[in-house]
Amino acid sequence: MPNSIIDLLCFTLETMKDVIFISALIGRKFRDMRHPIIGMAAYLILGNAVSLIFPNAFGWLALCLLSYLMLLYIMKTRYFYVLMAYILEYLYAAFLEDIIIMGMTRLGVNKEIYLSISCAVFSFLISVALCRYAPMNRVFQTFMGGSGIIKFLSIHLYVVYMIETGLYKFSFIDTSVYIPVISCFAVVVILSDIIILGQQRTIGKQQHDLECFKTYQPMMADLIKDLRSKQHDFDNHLTAVRMLPYTYRDYESLKNALINYSDNMVSEYRESELLRINLSVVAGFIYSKMINAEKNGKTLNVIVRQHTLKSCMPEYEIIRILGILIDNALEAVDAPGSATLSLDSSQNQIIISTMNKGPVLSSDLRRNMFTYGYTTKTIDKQHHGYGLPNMKKLVDEYEGKICLDNRTISGQNYICFEVTV
């Protein structure tokens, strides 16, 4: 009878510890939970009943499932969040209890009842202290927002540990003999996960690149077709240039005529620079933006300073950045205004710059420019304020940098964005 009471007290402490620790991970306050006391009481009653009816591996697995369902009911959040928090808590608790048992054993405490009490009490106190003073929710959010590989490894580590625990509790064999085998199995599983997930990521990237190629390659073909059609007029332009000295007799008028005519020719053939870019999908995308700008009565001037563009960022991600910068620059000017896009490359990084007329950037605007939902637009505000924050997040992922500045040209103020990644 005393042993049963001690087991119940230890079970209660472990349940309370689970709820406190997982609520700290998820960031759920006690007042925001769904009937936590009723949920824990129901779990304790059902858990003891299951343990009495099924004192075997099936009962132990059923108890784990009941524990997860209890936490899912109390926390009122997504099942995957609760599952990952439950797995992390289980691994933490198992690691902590192993340390406590080793410490108590070294002190000469070997009785199972004393070890159970020590594990329950010390793990409860340590967990409460951690939840009180450590940024548990921040750590968990970082974990959930991180790589999927870490989540998969955590799940498989949990499965391997469950197998080892099940063998220890419900098998008559000496599990210490099989620990090296289980450890090797765990290493093989983890390495297999890393390889498979790496291949899936590579395949996903290739599929994304292929979709981008299919989307923007026809635009590149339109660019080539457009330039070929203009090539027929090139002889006429040369003839016109040759006739200018016969039309303009004095030096000044001839100089002005040559400058004006050459400027017109350069603007007419400005798309030809895109053909020399090594990133054909990027070239096709920029050309499509130039065409759309012309349809809206605006001009997108493109300056290519370096035709061999290098970056660790994949081409489809570069297109996302280009789209955000070009759209913002063109939306900031009224027809028949213009914006300028510049492409350069240095130290294996691509440098994308845009420039458009705009106001002087205040400290408040600089501070809030990359905040989600913040926008200076007055029309359809609910659909704006997300492009620049998304771009900053994307640039940060590839350890790039963003420069935002004002520039004055001929008395006009311009806003300049420069992304290096």
Protein backbone atom coordinates (compact mmCIF):
# COMPACT_ATOMS: atom_id res chain seq x y z
CA MET A 1 0.00 0.00 0.00
CA PRO A 2 2.73 2.58 0.82
CA ASN A 3 4.42 1.74 -2.48
CA SER A 4 1.16 2.39 -4.35
CA ILE A 5 0.76 5.79 -2.65
CA ILE A 6 4.36 6.72 -3.48
CA ASP A 7 3.85 5.62 -7.11
CA LEU A 8 0.71 7.76 -7.31
CA LEU A 9 2.53 10.78 -5.86
CA CYS A 10 5.42 10.33 -8.29
CA PHE A 11 2.97 9.93 -11.17
CA THR A 12 1.20 13.14 -10.10
CA LEU A 13 4.46 15.08 -9.87
CA GLU A 14 5.53 13.84 -13.31
CA THR A 15 2.17 14.86 -14.80
CA MET A 16 2.38 18.34 -13.27
CA LYS A 17 5.96 18.65 -14.49
CA ASP A 18 4.93 17.68 -18.03
CA VAL A 19 2.14 20.27 -18.12
CA ILE A 20 4.31 23.06 -16.66
CA PHE A 21 7.26 22.34 -18.95
CA ILE A 22 5.24 21.98 -22.15
CA SER A 23 3.14 25.06 -21.39
CA ALA A 24 6.41 27.01 -20.99
CA LEU A 25 7.65 25.68 -24.35
CA ILE A 26 4.45 26.57 -26.18
CA GLY A 27 4.04 29.86 -24.29
CA ARG A 28 0.62 29.00 -22.89
CA LYS A 29 -0.30 30.68 -19.59
CA PHE A 30 -2.34 28.83 -16.97
CA ARG A 31 -5.39 31.06 -17.50
CA ASP A 32 -5.33 30.34 -21.26
CA MET A 33 -5.39 26.55 -20.83
CA ARG A 34 -8.50 24.43 -21.24
CA HIS A 35 -9.47 22.99 -17.82
CA PRO A 36 -5.92 22.00 -16.79
CA ILE A 37 -6.88 20.57 -13.38
CA ILE A 38 -9.75 18.52 -14.81
CA GLY A 39 -7.55 17.32 -17.67
CA MET A 40 -4.73 16.22 -15.33
CA ALA A 41 -7.19 14.54 -12.93
CA ALA A 42 -8.81 12.61 -15.79
CA TYR A 43 -5.38 11.56 -17.06
CA LEU A 44 -4.30 10.36 -13.60
CA ILE A 45 -7.45 8.28 -13.18
CA LEU A 46 -7.35 6.79 -16.68
CA GLY A 47 -3.59 6.31 -16.53
CA ASN A 48 -3.76 4.32 -13.29
CA ALA A 49 -6.64 2.26 -14.64
CA VAL A 50 -4.72 1.44 -17.85
CA SER A 51 -1.59 0.53 -15.85
CA LEU A 52 -3.61 -1.85 -13.63
CA ILE A 53 -5.48 -3.48 -16.53
CA PHE A 54 -2.47 -3.69 -18.88
CA PRO A 55 0.75 -3.97 -16.82
CA ASN A 56 2.77 -4.58 -19.99
CA ALA A 57 4.21 -2.82 -23.01
CA PHE A 58 0.73 -2.17 -24.44
CA GLY A 59 -0.31 -0.36 -21.25
CA TRP A 60 2.88 1.72 -21.31
CA LEU A 61 2.29 2.77 -24.94
CA ALA A 62 -1.36 3.53 -24.17
CA LEU A 63 -0.19 5.69 -21.25
CA CYS A 64 2.10 7.69 -23.59
CA LEU A 65 -0.80 8.22 -26.00
CA LEU A 66 -3.09 9.33 -23.16
CA SER A 67 -0.43 11.77 -21.98
CA TYR A 68 -0.22 13.35 -25.44
CA LEU A 69 -4.02 13.57 -25.79
CA MET A 70 -4.26 15.17 -22.34
CA LEU A 71 -1.67 17.80 -23.30
CA LEU A 72 -3.37 18.41 -26.66
CA TYR A 73 -6.69 19.01 -24.87
CA ILE A 74 -5.24 21.33 -22.25
CA MET A 75 -2.95 23.42 -24.48
CA LYS A 76 -5.56 24.26 -27.14
CA THR A 77 -3.09 24.54 -30.00
CA ARG A 78 -1.99 22.71 -33.13
CA TYR A 79 -1.37 19.01 -32.73
CA PHE A 80 2.08 19.15 -34.34
CA TYR A 81 3.21 21.90 -31.93
CA VAL A 82 2.07 19.80 -28.98
CA LEU A 83 3.68 16.68 -30.47
CA MET A 84 7.09 18.36 -30.90
CA ALA A 85 6.88 19.92 -27.43
CA TYR A 86 5.95 16.50 -26.00
CA ILE A 87 8.91 14.83 -27.74
CA LEU A 88 11.35 17.49 -26.54
CA GLU A 89 10.00 17.25 -23.00
CA TYR A 90 10.25 13.46 -23.06
CA LEU A 91 13.87 13.52 -24.25
CA TYR A 92 14.72 16.20 -21.70
CA ALA A 93 13.04 14.27 -18.87
CA ALA A 94 14.74 11.02 -19.84
CA PHE A 95 18.15 12.68 -19.97
CA LEU A 96 17.56 14.47 -16.65
CA GLU A 97 16.35 11.31 -14.89
CA ASP A 98 19.39 9.38 -16.11
CA ILE A 99 21.65 12.03 -14.56
CA ILE A 100 19.70 11.96 -11.28
CA ILE A 101 19.83 8.16 -11.09
CA MET A 102 23.56 8.12 -11.79
CA GLY A 103 24.10 10.76 -9.10
CA MET A 104 21.98 8.96 -6.51
CA THR A 105 23.66 5.64 -7.31
CA ARG A 106 27.09 7.20 -6.82
CA LEU A 107 25.88 8.43 -3.40
CA GLY A 108 24.99 4.85 -2.48
CA VAL A 109 21.21 5.05 -3.00
CA ASN A 110 20.17 1.91 -4.88
CA LYS A 111 16.61 1.16 -3.70
CA GLU A 112 14.10 1.56 -6.50
CA ILE A 113 11.58 3.43 -4.34
CA TYR A 114 14.14 6.05 -3.29
CA LEU A 115 15.32 6.44 -6.87
CA SER A 116 11.71 6.96 -8.05
CA ILE A 117 11.08 9.63 -5.39
CA SER A 118 14.39 11.36 -6.18
CA CYS A 119 13.68 11.43 -9.93
CA ALA A 120 10.14 12.76 -9.45
CA VAL A 121 11.04 15.47 -6.91
CA PHE A 122 14.31 16.70 -8.41
CA SER A 123 13.06 16.68 -12.01
CA PHE A 124 9.95 18.62 -10.90
CA LEU A 125 11.99 21.26 -9.05
CA ILE A 126 14.56 21.63 -11.84
CA SER A 127 11.81 21.90 -14.48
CA VAL A 128 9.96 24.58 -12.50
CA ALA A 129 13.19 26.55 -12.12
CA LEU A 130 13.92 26.27 -15.85
CA CYS A 131 10.43 27.39 -16.80
CA ARG A 132 10.69 30.31 -14.40
CA TYR A 133 14.09 31.69 -15.43
CA ALA A 134 14.94 30.29 -18.90
CA PRO A 135 13.43 31.61 -22.19
CA MET A 136 11.73 28.30 -22.97
CA ASN A 137 9.23 29.64 -25.48
CA ARG A 138 11.92 31.51 -27.42
CA VAL A 139 14.02 28.34 -27.62
CA PHE A 140 11.01 26.34 -28.81
CA GLN A 141 10.04 28.94 -31.43
CA THR A 142 13.62 28.88 -32.74
CA PHE A 143 13.46 25.09 -32.87
CA MET A 144 10.12 25.09 -34.72
CA GLY A 145 11.24 27.78 -37.14
CA GLY A 146 14.54 26.03 -37.86
CA SER A 147 15.49 23.29 -40.26
CA GLY A 148 13.12 20.36 -40.77
CA ILE A 149 16.09 18.02 -40.42
CA ILE A 150 16.35 18.82 -36.70
CA LYS A 151 12.67 18.01 -36.17
CA PHE A 152 12.98 14.67 -38.00
CA LEU A 153 16.09 13.78 -36.04
CA SER A 154 14.31 14.60 -32.78
CA ILE A 155 11.39 12.36 -33.72
CA HIS A 156 13.66 9.46 -34.63
CA LEU A 157 15.74 9.95 -31.49
CA TYR A 158 12.51 9.76 -29.51
CA VAL A 159 11.51 6.55 -31.29
CA VAL A 160 14.91 4.95 -30.64
CA TYR A 161 14.78 5.94 -26.98
CA MET A 162 11.25 4.53 -26.68
CA ILE A 163 12.50 1.20 -28.07
CA GLU A 164 15.36 1.12 -25.60
CA THR A 165 13.06 2.04 -22.69
CA GLY A 166 10.52 -0.60 -23.74
CA LEU A 167 13.22 -3.29 -23.86
CA TYR A 168 14.48 -2.22 -20.44
CA LYS A 169 11.04 -2.26 -18.81
CA PHE A 170 9.32 -5.22 -20.42
CA SER A 171 12.03 -7.54 -21.74
CA PHE A 172 13.81 -10.29 -19.83
CA ILE A 173 17.01 -9.83 -21.80
CA ASP A 174 19.94 -7.82 -20.55
CA THR A 175 19.51 -4.53 -22.42
CA SER A 176 23.04 -3.41 -21.59
CA VAL A 177 24.28 -6.06 -24.04
CA TYR A 178 22.20 -4.52 -26.84
CA ILE A 179 22.99 -0.85 -26.14
CA PRO A 180 25.86 -0.81 -28.73
CA VAL A 181 23.52 -2.38 -31.32
CA ILE A 182 20.76 0.12 -30.54
CA SER A 183 23.25 2.98 -30.68
CA CYS A 184 24.53 1.84 -34.08
CA PHE A 185 20.93 1.52 -35.28
CA ALA A 186 20.22 5.07 -34.10
CA VAL A 187 23.29 6.39 -35.93
CA VAL A 188 22.24 4.59 -39.15
CA VAL A 189 18.70 5.99 -38.89
CA ILE A 190 19.97 9.53 -38.31
CA LEU A 191 22.43 9.37 -41.20
CA SER A 192 19.72 7.93 -43.46
CA ASP A 193 17.41 10.80 -42.48
CA ILE A 194 20.08 13.39 -43.27
CA ILE A 195 20.77 11.84 -46.70
CA ILE A 196 17.09 11.42 -47.62
CA LEU A 197 16.11 14.92 -46.48
CA GLY A 198 19.11 16.40 -48.29
CA GLN A 199 18.08 14.64 -51.50
CA GLN A 200 14.47 15.79 -51.09
CA ARG A 201 15.64 19.37 -50.63
CA THR A 202 17.81 19.13 -53.75
CA ILE A 203 14.94 17.63 -55.76
CA GLY A 204 12.57 20.32 -54.50
CA LYS A 205 15.03 23.06 -55.49
CA GLN A 206 15.50 21.53 -58.95
CA GLN A 207 11.74 21.29 -59.45
CA HIS A 208 11.35 24.92 -58.40
CA ASP A 209 14.12 25.97 -60.80
CA LEU A 210 12.43 24.03 -63.59
CA GLU A 211 9.09 25.75 -62.93
CA CYS A 212 10.78 29.15 -63.00
CA PHE A 213 12.55 28.21 -66.23
CA LYS A 214 9.27 27.15 -67.83
CA THR A 215 7.63 30.39 -66.70
CA TYR A 216 10.27 32.93 -67.72
CA GLN A 217 12.08 31.22 -70.60
CA PRO A 218 9.27 32.15 -73.06
CA MET A 219 9.81 35.79 -72.00
CA MET A 220 13.47 35.41 -72.90
CA ALA A 221 12.37 34.10 -76.30
CA ASP A 222 10.11 37.17 -76.69
CA LEU A 223 13.08 39.41 -75.86
CA ILE A 224 15.19 37.75 -78.58
CA LYS A 225 12.31 38.02 -81.05
CA ASP A 226 11.82 41.70 -80.23
CA LEU A 227 15.51 42.47 -80.72
CA ARG A 228 15.62 40.55 -84.01
CA SER A 229 12.70 42.60 -85.31
CA LYS A 230 14.55 45.79 -84.35
CA GLN A 231 17.69 44.53 -86.07
CA HIS A 232 15.99 45.09 -89.42
CA ASP A 233 15.80 48.80 -88.64
CA PHE A 234 19.47 49.02 -87.75
CA ASP A 235 20.59 49.75 -91.33
CA ASN A 236 18.04 52.55 -91.50
CA HIS A 237 19.45 54.04 -88.30
CA LEU A 238 23.00 53.92 -89.73
CA THR A 239 21.81 55.66 -92.87
CA ALA A 240 20.13 58.33 -90.79
CA VAL A 241 23.34 58.91 -88.81
CA ARG A 242 25.35 59.20 -92.03
CA MET A 243 22.93 61.83 -93.34
CA LEU A 244 23.11 64.04 -90.23
CA PRO A 245 26.24 66.00 -91.42
CA TYR A 246 24.35 66.96 -94.60
CA THR A 247 21.40 68.20 -92.57
CA TYR A 248 23.28 70.04 -89.80
CA ARG A 249 26.11 72.19 -91.16
CA ASP A 250 27.55 73.71 -87.96
CA TYR A 251 29.32 71.84 -85.17
CA GLU A 252 26.92 72.61 -82.30
CA SER A 253 23.76 71.59 -84.10
CA LEU A 254 25.43 68.42 -85.40
CA LYS A 255 26.67 67.52 -81.92
CA ASN A 256 23.22 67.98 -80.39
CA ALA A 257 21.59 65.99 -83.17
CA LEU A 258 24.05 63.10 -82.72
CA ILE A 259 23.53 63.09 -78.94
CA ASN A 260 19.74 63.11 -79.22
CA TYR A 261 19.65 60.46 -81.92
CA SER A 262 22.11 58.18 -80.11
CA ASP A 263 20.14 58.54 -76.88
CA ASN A 264 17.02 57.44 -78.71
CA MET A 265 18.84 54.49 -80.21
CA VAL A 266 20.28 53.46 -76.85
CA SER A 267 16.85 53.58 -75.21
CA GLU A 268 15.37 51.61 -78.08
CA TYR A 269 18.01 48.89 -77.80
CA ARG A 270 18.36 48.91 -74.02
CA GLU A 271 16.88 45.39 -73.76
CA SER A 272 19.90 43.96 -75.62
CA GLU A 273 21.99 44.15 -72.43
CA LEU A 274 19.73 41.53 -70.88
CA LEU A 275 20.78 38.98 -73.50
CA ARG A 276 24.33 39.06 -72.18
CA ILE A 277 23.35 38.15 -68.59
CA ASN A 278 24.39 34.63 -67.62
CA LEU A 279 21.10 34.11 -65.70
CA SER A 280 18.56 33.65 -68.49
CA VAL A 281 15.56 33.28 -66.16
CA VAL A 282 16.45 36.55 -64.42
CA ALA A 283 16.80 38.24 -67.83
CA GLY A 284 13.38 36.99 -68.93
CA PHE A 285 11.81 38.13 -65.66
CA ILE A 286 13.27 41.65 -65.92
CA TYR A 287 12.11 41.91 -69.53
CA SER A 288 8.56 41.00 -68.47
CA LYS A 289 8.70 43.76 -65.84
CA MET A 290 9.86 46.25 -68.50
CA ILE A 291 6.94 45.31 -70.74
CA ASN A 292 4.43 45.62 -67.87
CA ALA A 293 5.86 49.00 -66.91
CA GLU A 294 5.41 50.24 -70.49
CA LYS A 295 1.79 49.07 -70.45
CA ASN A 296 1.23 51.22 -67.35
CA GLY A 297 2.84 54.24 -68.98
CA LYS A 298 6.07 53.96 -66.95
CA THR A 299 9.67 53.17 -67.81
CA LEU A 300 12.00 50.69 -66.17
CA ASN A 301 15.58 51.58 -67.05
CA VAL A 302 18.00 48.68 -66.68
CA ILE A 303 21.74 49.13 -66.20
CA VAL A 304 23.87 45.97 -66.37
CA ARG A 305 27.29 46.70 -64.90
CA GLN A 306 28.42 43.08 -64.79
CA HIS A 307 27.05 40.44 -67.14
CA THR A 308 28.36 37.44 -65.16
CA LEU A 309 26.21 37.54 -62.04
CA LYS A 310 27.29 35.27 -59.17
CA SER A 311 25.44 34.49 -55.95
CA CYS A 312 24.92 31.68 -53.46
CA MET A 313 21.21 32.43 -53.71
CA PRO A 314 19.30 30.29 -56.25
CA GLU A 315 17.88 32.02 -59.28
CA TYR A 316 14.23 31.65 -58.23
CA GLU A 317 15.00 33.44 -54.94
CA ILE A 318 16.79 36.23 -56.82
CA ILE A 319 13.59 36.65 -58.84
CA ARG A 320 11.61 37.13 -55.62
CA ILE A 321 13.95 39.93 -54.55
CA LEU A 322 13.87 41.53 -58.00
CA GLY A 323 10.08 41.40 -58.05
CA ILE A 324 9.76 43.14 -54.67
CA LEU A 325 12.31 45.86 -55.48
CA ILE A 326 11.00 46.56 -59.01
CA ASP A 327 7.33 46.60 -57.92
CA ASN A 328 8.07 48.98 -55.04
CA ALA A 329 10.12 51.31 -57.24
CA LEU A 330 7.47 51.46 -60.02
CA GLU A 331 4.55 51.82 -57.59
CA ALA A 332 6.30 54.82 -56.01
CA VAL A 333 6.24 56.84 -59.26
CA ASP A 334 3.33 58.15 -61.29
CA ALA A 335 3.03 57.77 -65.07
CA PRO A 336 4.96 58.75 -67.11
CA GLY A 337 7.65 58.36 -64.46
CA SER A 338 10.58 55.99 -64.45
CA ALA A 339 12.62 53.80 -62.11
CA THR A 340 16.13 52.48 -62.56
CA LEU A 341 17.34 48.93 -61.92
CA SER A 342 21.06 48.21 -61.70
CA LEU A 343 22.72 44.78 -61.71
CA ASP A 344 26.28 44.17 -60.61
CA SER A 345 28.36 41.40 -59.08
CA SER A 346 31.35 41.40 -56.73
CA GLN A 347 33.04 38.80 -54.51
CA ASN A 348 30.63 36.05 -55.64
CA GLN A 349 27.62 38.16 -54.64
CA ILE A 350 24.97 39.79 -56.79
CA ILE A 351 24.28 43.49 -56.18
CA ILE A 352 20.75 44.61 -57.07
CA SER A 353 19.96 48.32 -56.88
CA THR A 354 16.82 50.32 -57.58
CA MET A 355 16.36 54.07 -57.67
CA ASN A 356 13.19 56.13 -57.95
CA LYS A 357 11.99 59.60 -57.04
CA GLY A 358 10.69 59.78 -53.50
CA PRO A 359 10.62 61.68 -50.22
CA VAL A 360 13.45 62.10 -47.73
CA LEU A 361 13.54 59.01 -45.51
CA SER A 362 12.64 59.91 -41.93
CA SER A 363 13.99 57.98 -38.94
CA ASP A 364 10.50 56.59 -38.30
CA LEU A 365 10.23 55.36 -41.90
CA ARG A 366 13.68 53.75 -41.78
CA ARG A 367 12.83 52.04 -38.50
CA ASN A 368 9.48 50.62 -39.63
CA MET A 369 10.25 49.93 -43.30
CA PHE A 370 10.86 46.22 -42.69
CA THR A 371 8.06 45.70 -40.15
CA TYR A 372 5.23 43.38 -41.22
CA GLY A 373 2.07 45.31 -42.10
CA TYR A 374 3.76 48.73 -42.22
CA THR A 375 3.10 50.65 -45.43
CA THR A 376 3.06 54.24 -46.63
CA LYS A 377 0.37 53.47 -49.21
CA THR A 378 -3.10 54.85 -48.55
CA ILE A 379 -5.04 52.60 -50.95
CA ASP A 380 -5.65 48.89 -50.28
CA LYS A 381 -3.42 48.98 -47.19
CA GLN A 382 -4.38 45.48 -46.04
CA HIS A 383 -2.61 43.96 -49.07
CA HIS A 384 0.61 45.92 -48.60
CA GLY A 385 3.38 45.99 -46.04
CA TYR A 386 4.67 42.43 -46.55
CA GLY A 387 7.10 42.63 -49.49
CA LEU A 388 10.06 44.32 -47.80
CA PRO A 389 9.85 42.26 -44.56
CA ASN A 390 9.75 39.06 -46.65
CA MET A 391 12.72 40.30 -48.66
CA LYS A 392 14.70 41.07 -45.50
CA LYS A 393 13.97 37.61 -44.12
CA LEU A 394 15.11 36.04 -47.40
CA VAL A 395 18.31 38.14 -47.55
CA ASP A 396 19.12 37.32 -43.92
CA GLU A 397 18.85 33.60 -44.68
CA TYR A 398 21.72 33.96 -47.16
CA GLU A 399 23.69 36.35 -44.93
CA GLY A 400 23.25 39.26 -47.32
CA LYS A 401 22.74 42.92 -46.56
CA ILE A 402 20.30 45.68 -47.49
CA CYS A 403 21.21 49.36 -47.81
CA LEU A 404 18.53 52.06 -47.92
CA ASP A 405 19.51 55.65 -48.63
CA ASN A 406 18.57 58.97 -50.23
CA ARG A 407 20.37 60.51 -53.17
CA THR A 408 19.99 63.98 -54.71
CA ILE A 409 20.38 64.28 -58.50
CA SER A 410 19.81 67.61 -60.28
CA GLY A 411 17.92 68.90 -57.28
CA GLN A 412 15.57 65.89 -57.21
CA ASN A 413 15.45 63.50 -54.25
CA TYR A 414 15.68 59.76 -54.96
CA ILE A 415 15.20 56.65 -52.81
CA CYS A 416 17.86 54.02 -53.37
CA PHE A 417 17.67 50.35 -52.39
CA GLU A 418 20.71 48.12 -52.67
CA VAL A 419 20.65 44.40 -51.92
CA THR A 420 23.90 42.42 -51.80
CA VAL A 421 23.53 38.68 -51.48
